């Protein structure tokens, strides 16, 4: 992943820090403004989160938590499906899973019939 740059110009930081929108960061804010803590799970690795002395304005492990992962989008997306009659229609994800399982079962049965004929 390429380094994410935001808010660094000529060595001087400006704007919002990357940690505010990173999925690796955890914020703790006390009653006073000065009693805030930031932890980064990307830097801590297998040992958990590592406390940061200050927030980052440049980070190679930045992962924007405001963006939805493609996997989650695929789980809710409607699919184009071709019926055995050749008609194409859109179906919801639950119906898609049912139809895919039904098709896989039918293909398995056809394979078993063919294997019996061949004598496998």
C-alpha atoms as a PDB file:
ATOM      1  CA  UNK A   1       0.000   0.000   0.000  1.00  0.00           C
ATOM      2  CA  UNK A   2       1.322   3.437  -0.834  1.00  0.00           C
ATOM      3  CA  UNK A   3       1.958   6.006   1.864  1.00  0.00           C
ATOM      4  CA  UNK A   4      -1.035   8.211   2.535  1.00  0.00           C
ATOM      5  CA  UNK A   5      -0.189  11.894   2.706  1.00  0.00           C
ATOM      6  CA  UNK A   6      -2.562  14.427   4.073  1.00  0.00           C
ATOM      7  CA  UNK A   7      -1.791  17.735   5.672  1.00  0.00           C
ATOM      8  CA  UNK A   8       2.013  17.912   5.298  1.00  0.00           C
ATOM      9  CA  UNK A   9       3.435  20.756   3.299  1.00  0.00           C
ATOM     10  CA  UNK A  10       7.105  21.679   3.552  1.00  0.00           C
ATOM     11  CA  UNK A  11       7.539  19.724   6.808  1.00  0.00           C
ATOM     12  CA  UNK A  12       4.708  21.581   8.593  1.00  0.00           C
ATOM     13  CA  UNK A  13       1.551  19.669   9.480  1.00  0.00           C
ATOM     14  CA  UNK A  14      -1.866  21.207   8.867  1.00  0.00           C
ATOM     15  CA  UNK A  15      -5.471  20.030   8.760  1.00  0.00           C
ATOM     16  CA  UNK A  16      -6.871  16.922  10.463  1.00  0.00           C
ATOM     17  CA  UNK A  17      -4.518  14.097  11.478  1.00  0.00           C
ATOM     18  CA  UNK A  18      -4.857  10.736   9.707  1.00  0.00           C
ATOM     19  CA  UNK A  19      -5.506   8.920  12.994  1.00  0.00           C
ATOM     20  CA  UNK A  20      -8.991  10.462  13.249  1.00  0.00           C
ATOM     21  CA  UNK A  21     -10.221   8.459  10.237  1.00  0.00           C
ATOM     22  CA  UNK A  22      -7.932   5.391  10.427  1.00  0.00           C
ATOM     23  CA  UNK A  23      -9.369   1.976  11.288  1.00  0.00           C
ATOM     24  CA  UNK A  24      -6.192   1.090  13.206  1.00  0.00           C
ATOM     25  CA  UNK A  25      -6.543   3.902  15.735  1.00  0.00           C
ATOM     26  CA  UNK A  26      -8.367   4.029  19.063  1.00  0.00           C
ATOM     27  CA  UNK A  27      -9.074   7.312  20.862  1.00  0.00           C
ATOM     28  CA  UNK A  28      -9.594   7.913  24.538  1.00  0.00           C
ATOM     29  CA  UNK A  29     -10.704  11.386  25.606  1.00  0.00           C
ATOM     30  CA  UNK A  30     -10.955  12.439  29.229  1.00  0.00           C
ATOM     31  CA  UNK A  31     -12.889  15.371  30.651  1.00  0.00           C
ATOM     32  CA  UNK A  32      -9.975  17.708  30.024  1.00  0.00           C
ATOM     33  CA  UNK A  33      -8.739  18.418  26.514  1.00  0.00           C
ATOM     34  CA  UNK A  34      -5.194  17.562  27.579  1.00  0.00           C
ATOM     35  CA  UNK A  35      -6.204  14.086  28.799  1.00  0.00           C
ATOM     36  CA  UNK A  36      -6.468  12.412  25.392  1.00  0.00           C
ATOM     37  CA  UNK A  37      -4.692   9.240  24.289  1.00  0.00           C
ATOM     38  CA  UNK A  38      -4.295   7.647  20.850  1.00  0.00           C
ATOM     39  CA  UNK A  39      -3.418   3.981  20.288  1.00  0.00           C
ATOM     40  CA  UNK A  40      -2.405   2.372  16.979  1.00  0.00           C
ATOM     41  CA  UNK A  41      -2.933  -1.335  16.327  1.00  0.00           C
ATOM     42  CA  UNK A  42      -0.920  -1.193  13.072  1.00  0.00           C
ATOM     43  CA  UNK A  43       2.246  -0.248  14.957  1.00  0.00           C
ATOM     44  CA  UNK A  44       1.627  -2.646  17.836  1.00  0.00           C
ATOM     45  CA  UNK A  45       1.450  -5.685  15.543  1.00  0.00           C
ATOM     46  CA  UNK A  46       0.749  -8.971  17.339  1.00  0.00           C
ATOM     47  CA  UNK A  47       1.240  -7.317  20.731  1.00  0.00           C
ATOM     48  CA  UNK A  48      -1.922  -5.204  20.470  1.00  0.00           C
ATOM     49  CA  UNK A  49      -2.153  -1.441  20.197  1.00  0.00           C
ATOM     50  CA  UNK A  50       0.797   0.864  20.731  1.00  0.00           C
ATOM     51  CA  UNK A  51       0.291   4.282  22.368  1.00  0.00           C
ATOM     52  CA  UNK A  52       1.267   7.250  20.193  1.00  0.00           C
ATOM     53  CA  UNK A  53       2.984  10.342  21.556  1.00  0.00           C
ATOM     54  CA  UNK A  54       1.258  12.432  18.886  1.00  0.00           C
ATOM     55  CA  UNK A  55      -1.145  11.911  16.013  1.00  0.00           C
ATOM     56  CA  UNK A  56       0.142  11.107  12.530  1.00  0.00           C
ATOM     57  CA  UNK A  57      -0.214  13.314   9.486  1.00  0.00           C
ATOM     58  CA  UNK A  58       1.596  10.797   7.266  1.00  0.00           C
ATOM     59  CA  UNK A  59       1.359   7.004   7.572  1.00  0.00           C
ATOM     60  CA  UNK A  60       2.084   3.970   5.380  1.00  0.00           C
ATOM     61  CA  UNK A  61      -0.421   1.802   7.333  1.00  0.00           C
ATOM     62  CA  UNK A  62      -3.334   4.225   6.935  1.00  0.00           C
ATOM     63  CA  UNK A  63      -6.688   2.531   6.314  1.00  0.00           C
ATOM     64  CA  UNK A  64      -9.652   4.870   5.935  1.00  0.00           C
ATOM     65  CA  UNK A  65     -12.493   3.504   8.090  1.00  0.00           C
ATOM     66  CA  UNK A  66     -15.040   5.660   6.274  1.00  0.00           C
ATOM     67  CA  UNK A  67     -14.715   3.499   3.138  1.00  0.00           C
ATOM     68  CA  UNK A  68     -16.809   0.332   2.924  1.00  0.00           C
ATOM     69  CA  UNK A  69     -14.826  -2.818   2.031  1.00  0.00           C
ATOM     70  CA  UNK A  70     -15.685  -4.437  -1.315  1.00  0.00           C
ATOM     71  CA  UNK A  71     -16.603  -7.685   0.470  1.00  0.00           C
ATOM     72  CA  UNK A  72     -19.382  -5.914   2.401  1.00  0.00           C
ATOM     73  CA  UNK A  73     -20.684  -4.303  -0.788  1.00  0.00           C
ATOM     74  CA  UNK A  74     -20.816  -7.696  -2.506  1.00  0.00           C
ATOM     75  CA  UNK A  75     -22.859  -9.130   0.372  1.00  0.00           C
ATOM     76  CA  UNK A  76     -25.722  -6.684  -0.248  1.00  0.00           C
ATOM     77  CA  UNK A  77     -25.457  -6.331  -4.031  1.00  0.00           C
ATOM     78  CA  UNK A  78     -28.153  -7.690  -6.315  1.00  0.00           C
ATOM     79  CA  UNK A  79     -26.884 -10.174  -8.914  1.00  0.00           C
ATOM     80  CA  UNK A  80     -27.764 -10.727 -12.564  1.00  0.00           C
ATOM     81  CA  UNK A  81     -28.965 -14.307 -12.979  1.00  0.00           C
ATOM     82  CA  UNK A  82     -29.709 -16.306 -16.123  1.00  0.00           C
ATOM     83  CA  UNK A  83     -32.577 -18.763 -15.722  1.00  0.00           C
ATOM     84  CA  UNK A  84     -32.386 -22.167 -17.441  1.00  0.00           C
ATOM     85  CA  UNK A  85     -34.879 -20.720 -19.946  1.00  0.00           C
ATOM     86  CA  UNK A  86     -32.307 -18.022 -20.846  1.00  0.00           C
ATOM     87  CA  UNK A  87     -34.158 -15.140 -19.230  1.00  0.00           C
ATOM     88  CA  UNK A  88     -31.884 -12.750 -17.320  1.00  0.00           C
ATOM     89  CA  UNK A  89     -33.164 -11.146 -14.135  1.00  0.00           C
ATOM     90  CA  UNK A  90     -31.835  -9.521 -10.966  1.00  0.00           C
ATOM     91  CA  UNK A  91     -32.052 -11.399  -7.675  1.00  0.00           C
ATOM     92  CA  UNK A  92     -31.254 -10.432  -4.096  1.00  0.00           C
ATOM     93  CA  UNK A  93     -28.256 -11.945  -2.233  1.00  0.00           C
ATOM     94  CA  UNK A  94     -30.322 -14.507  -0.275  1.00  0.00           C
ATOM     95  CA  UNK A  95     -32.042 -15.776  -3.407  1.00  0.00           C
ATOM     96  CA  UNK A  96     -28.669 -15.839  -5.194  1.00  0.00           C
ATOM     97  CA  UNK A  97     -27.197 -18.137  -2.546  1.00  0.00           C
ATOM     98  CA  UNK A  98     -30.220 -20.452  -2.805  1.00  0.00           C
ATOM     99  CA  UNK A  99     -30.016 -20.566  -6.600  1.00  0.00           C
ATOM    100  CA  UNK A 100     -26.235 -21.120  -6.564  1.00  0.00           C
ATOM    101  CA  UNK A 101     -26.594 -24.042  -4.132  1.00  0.00           C
ATOM    102  CA  UNK A 102     -29.399 -25.492  -6.241  1.00  0.00           C
ATOM    103  CA  UNK A 103     -27.252 -25.222  -9.388  1.00  0.00           C
ATOM    104  CA  UNK A 104     -24.222 -26.793  -7.638  1.00  0.00           C
ATOM    105  CA  UNK A 105     -26.372 -29.716  -6.431  1.00  0.00           C
ATOM    106  CA  UNK A 106     -27.763 -30.251  -9.935  1.00  0.00           C
ATOM    107  CA  UNK A 107     -24.240 -30.205 -11.441  1.00  0.00           C
ATOM    108  CA  UNK A 108     -23.020 -32.693  -8.803  1.00  0.00           C
ATOM    109  CA  UNK A 109     -25.900 -35.066  -9.632  1.00  0.00           C
ATOM    110  CA  UNK A 110     -25.106 -34.824 -13.358  1.00  0.00           C
ATOM    111  CA  UNK A 111     -21.444 -35.568 -12.641  1.00  0.00           C
ATOM    112  CA  UNK A 112     -22.350 -38.624 -10.551  1.00  0.00           C
ATOM    113  CA  UNK A 113     -24.639 -39.946 -13.318  1.00  0.00           C
ATOM    114  CA  UNK A 114     -21.866 -39.505 -15.875  1.00  0.00           C
ATOM    115  CA  UNK A 115     -19.347 -41.194 -13.587  1.00  0.00           C
ATOM    116  CA  UNK A 116     -21.682 -44.234 -13.246  1.00  0.00           C
ATOM    117  CA  UNK A 117     -22.034 -44.490 -17.026  1.00  0.00           C
ATOM    118  CA  UNK A 118     -18.273 -44.383 -17.545  1.00  0.00           C
ATOM    119  CA  UNK A 119     -17.728 -46.836 -14.680  1.00  0.00           C
ATOM    120  CA  UNK A 120     -15.630 -44.735 -12.383  1.00  0.00           C
END
